Protein backbone atom coordinates (compact mmCIF):
# COMPACT_ATOMS: atom_id res chain seq x y z
CA MET A 1 5.70 14.18 30.19
CA GLN A 2 3.48 14.97 26.53
CA ILE A 3 3.61 11.47 25.05
CA ILE A 4 2.77 11.45 20.85
CA GLN A 5 1.42 9.12 18.91
CA GLU A 6 2.14 8.29 15.78
CA GLY A 7 0.77 5.97 12.90
CA TYR A 8 0.06 5.27 9.97
CA ARG A 9 -2.74 6.04 7.02
CA TYR A 10 -4.58 3.52 5.60
CA ALA A 11 -6.52 2.29 2.19
CA ALA A 12 -8.69 -0.53 2.58
CA ILE A 13 -9.08 -1.79 -0.68
CA SER A 14 -10.47 -4.85 -3.16
CA ALA A 15 -9.59 -3.44 -6.08
CA SER A 16 -6.04 -1.81 -7.68
CA ALA A 17 -5.46 1.36 -6.11
CA ASN A 18 -2.60 4.20 -5.85
CA VAL A 19 -3.20 4.74 -2.13
CA SER A 20 -0.79 7.18 -1.40
CA ASN A 21 -1.89 10.28 -2.92
CA GLY A 22 -5.68 10.11 -2.96
CA ALA A 23 -7.01 12.19 -6.27
CA THR A 24 -4.05 14.81 -6.20
CA GLY A 25 -1.76 12.50 -9.20
CA GLN A 26 0.83 14.60 -7.38
CA VAL A 27 4.07 12.84 -6.68
CA VAL A 28 4.81 11.86 -3.11
CA ALA A 29 7.34 10.45 -0.27
CA GLY A 30 6.99 8.08 2.43
CA VAL A 31 6.64 4.84 3.70
CA ILE A 32 4.72 1.77 3.38
CA GLY A 33 4.52 -0.12 6.97
CA GLY A 34 2.98 -3.03 5.17
CA PHE A 35 -0.34 -4.42 4.56
CA PHE A 36 -2.98 -6.90 5.91
CA VAL A 37 -5.00 -9.29 4.10
CA SER A 38 -8.71 -9.25 5.54
CA SER A 39 -10.02 -12.35 3.15
CA THR A 40 -8.90 -13.91 -0.24
CA THR A 41 -10.03 -16.78 -2.87
CA SER A 42 -6.95 -17.10 -4.81
CA GLY A 43 -6.12 -13.21 -4.77
CA THR A 44 -2.43 -11.47 -5.46
CA ILE A 45 -1.19 -8.73 -4.65
CA ALA A 46 1.54 -6.38 -6.07
CA ILE A 47 3.17 -2.98 -4.87
CA TYR A 48 4.90 -0.32 -7.47
CA ASP A 49 6.62 2.90 -6.91
CA ASP A 50 4.34 5.24 -9.10
CA VAL A 51 2.22 8.16 -8.87
CA ALA A 52 -0.21 6.39 -11.26
CA THR A 53 -0.72 3.53 -12.81
CA GLY A 54 2.92 2.19 -13.87
CA THR A 55 4.58 -1.09 -12.72
CA ALA A 56 7.91 -0.03 -13.56
CA THR A 57 9.33 -0.17 -9.99
CA PRO A 58 8.25 -2.85 -8.01
CA ILE A 59 8.25 -2.41 -4.43
CA LEU A 60 6.43 -6.25 -3.67
CA ALA A 61 7.01 -8.59 -6.85
CA THR A 62 3.20 -10.69 -7.19
CA PHE A 63 2.56 -12.96 -4.80
CA THR A 64 -0.29 -14.95 -3.37
CA PRO A 65 -1.10 -13.97 0.37
CA ALA A 66 -3.20 -16.07 2.48
CA ALA A 67 -6.34 -14.62 4.69
CA SER A 68 -5.92 -13.61 7.92
CA GLY A 69 -2.44 -12.59 7.61
CA PHE A 70 0.07 -9.09 8.35
CA PHE A 71 2.73 -8.41 6.06
CA LEU A 72 5.54 -6.00 7.38
CA LEU A 73 6.97 -4.20 4.73
CA ASN A 74 8.91 -1.00 6.24
CA ALA A 75 9.48 0.62 2.28
CA LYS A 76 10.57 3.64 1.27
CA PHE A 77 8.77 5.16 -2.00
CA SER A 78 9.34 7.74 -3.93
CA LYS A 79 7.01 8.77 -5.98
CA GLY A 80 3.71 7.09 -4.71
CA VAL A 81 1.84 3.51 -3.48
CA TYR A 82 0.28 1.98 -6.64
CA VAL A 83 -1.06 -1.62 -5.60
CA VAL A 84 -1.97 -3.75 -7.84
CA LEU A 85 -4.80 -6.44 -6.86
CA GLY A 86 -6.18 -9.77 -8.77
CA GLY A 87 -8.47 -12.21 -8.01
CA THR A 88 -10.35 -11.79 -5.41
CA ILE A 89 -8.36 -10.28 -2.22
CA ALA A 90 -9.51 -7.38 0.52
CA VAL A 91 -6.56 -6.00 1.78
CA THR A 92 -5.94 -3.08 3.68
CA ILE A 93 -2.81 -0.57 3.18
CA LEU A 94 -0.55 1.16 6.05
CA TYR A 95 1.34 4.21 4.70
CA ALA A 96 2.71 7.78 6.08
CA THR A 97 4.11 10.29 3.61
CA ALA A 98 6.35 13.07 3.89
CA ASN A 99 3.71 15.48 3.68
CA GLY A 100 1.64 13.94 6.00
CA ASP A 101 -1.54 13.90 3.15
């Protein structure tokens, strides 16, 4: 029997960023597994389905999470994952794309 382990890609960020498509700027579909907040001082997070920095299609509305918490999303996206951070916050976003990038 062969065991196949699949997992999420990750992006550890402390400033707003599009995490799913790197520098390519190409539309990419996939799923956001969730995110971990490693530290925060009244920081906020919002997540959008966008290839660049658009905020028209929210996946997660702006909220203030607690530190040392994991937030399960399991949400599909069709364009990309743009994460908007406010205040002082450090998070790790877990995601997988349809093309494996």
